[in-house]
Amino acid sequence: MYLHLGQNEIIQDHRIIGIFDLDKCSTSRRTREYLAAAERESVVLDISGELPKSFVVCDHPYHEQIVYLSQLNSSTLKNRVESRKLEF
């Protein structure tokens, strides 16, 4: 199954490690350090097209992890994943 993250970006849902609310998580020092390290390693893809509201951490065949910044709310993405799993 696949998850649409916005801006025509689609990922396989089995690759998702976590879906996080950017506003709530960015207050944590560890989260800010993690995102800064991911940015330095060039594994952050900003697909928001505007102000990002969430970030999705995924495993990737060529990197240990990849981080997508999305304009969609984390609850919207979570609901999309859960509704797909209920269909099957």
Protein backbone atom coordinates (compact mmCIF):
# COMPACT_ATOMS: atom_id res chain seq x y z
CA MET A 1 0.00 0.00 0.00
CA TYR A 2 1.04 3.58 -0.54
CA LEU A 3 0.71 6.86 1.32
CA HIS A 4 0.34 10.20 -0.46
CA LEU A 5 2.40 12.78 1.45
CA GLY A 6 1.39 15.77 -0.67
CA GLN A 7 2.89 17.52 -3.71
CA ASN A 8 2.71 14.30 -5.77
CA GLU A 9 5.01 12.41 -3.38
CA ILE A 10 3.95 8.84 -2.67
CA ILE A 11 5.75 6.33 -0.46
CA GLN A 12 5.19 2.69 0.42
CA ASP A 13 3.57 2.56 3.84
CA HIS A 14 5.78 -0.31 5.05
CA ARG A 15 8.76 2.07 4.84
CA ILE A 16 7.27 4.49 7.40
CA ILE A 17 9.13 4.62 10.70
CA GLY A 18 7.15 7.50 12.17
CA ILE A 19 4.83 10.41 11.47
CA PHE A 20 5.41 13.49 13.62
CA ASP A 21 3.76 16.87 14.19
CA LEU A 22 6.42 19.46 13.45
CA ASP A 23 5.06 22.09 15.86
CA LYS A 24 4.83 19.73 18.83
CA CYS A 25 8.08 17.86 18.21
CA SER A 26 10.26 20.83 17.30
CA THR A 27 10.14 22.06 20.89
CA SER A 28 12.29 19.07 21.87
CA ARG A 29 16.04 19.63 21.72
CA ARG A 30 16.61 16.04 20.55
CA THR A 31 14.18 16.43 17.66
CA ARG A 32 15.85 19.67 16.58
CA GLU A 33 19.25 17.94 16.74
CA TYR A 34 17.92 14.97 14.76
CA LEU A 35 16.46 17.19 12.02
CA ALA A 36 19.64 19.30 11.87
CA ALA A 37 21.76 16.14 11.50
CA ALA A 38 19.43 14.82 8.79
CA GLU A 39 19.73 18.16 6.98
CA ARG A 40 23.55 18.01 7.15
CA GLU A 41 23.43 14.47 5.71
CA SER A 42 21.15 15.72 2.88
CA VAL A 43 18.38 13.22 3.69
CA VAL A 44 15.62 15.80 4.23
CA LEU A 45 13.16 16.31 1.38
CA ASP A 46 10.94 19.35 1.72
CA ILE A 47 7.83 18.47 -0.27
CA SER A 48 5.64 20.94 1.56
CA GLY A 49 5.70 23.67 -1.06
CA GLU A 50 4.90 25.99 1.85
CA LEU A 51 5.21 25.94 5.62
CA PRO A 52 5.62 22.27 6.67
CA LYS A 53 3.26 20.93 9.33
CA SER A 54 4.63 17.42 9.77
CA PHE A 55 7.59 15.22 9.03
CA VAL A 56 7.68 11.57 8.10
CA VAL A 57 10.73 9.42 8.81
CA CYS A 58 11.14 6.47 6.44
CA ASP A 59 13.71 3.82 5.76
CA HIS A 60 15.21 4.03 2.31
CA PRO A 61 17.13 1.58 0.13
CA TYR A 62 20.05 3.99 -0.36
CA HIS A 63 20.14 5.72 3.04
CA GLU A 64 19.55 4.57 6.58
CA GLN A 65 16.61 6.98 6.85
CA ILE A 66 15.01 9.77 4.86
CA VAL A 67 12.86 12.60 6.24
CA TYR A 68 9.97 14.11 4.29
CA LEU A 69 8.62 17.52 5.33
CA SER A 70 4.93 17.67 4.43
CA GLN A 71 2.33 20.44 4.37
CA LEU A 72 -0.28 17.94 5.62
CA ASN A 73 -1.11 17.55 9.30
CA SER A 74 0.30 14.50 11.04
CA SER A 75 -3.24 13.44 11.99
CA THR A 76 -4.29 13.54 8.31
CA LEU A 77 -1.36 11.33 7.32
CA LYS A 78 -2.01 8.96 10.23
CA ASN A 79 -5.68 8.66 9.27
CA ARG A 80 -4.72 7.89 5.66
CA VAL A 81 -2.46 5.05 6.77
CA GLU A 82 -5.04 3.62 9.17
CA SER A 83 -7.91 3.83 6.68
CA ARG A 84 -5.87 1.96 4.06
CA LYS A 85 -5.13 -0.86 6.50
CA LEU A 86 -8.82 -1.20 7.36
CA GLU A 87 -9.72 -1.62 3.69
CA PHE A 88 -7.84 -4.91 3.47
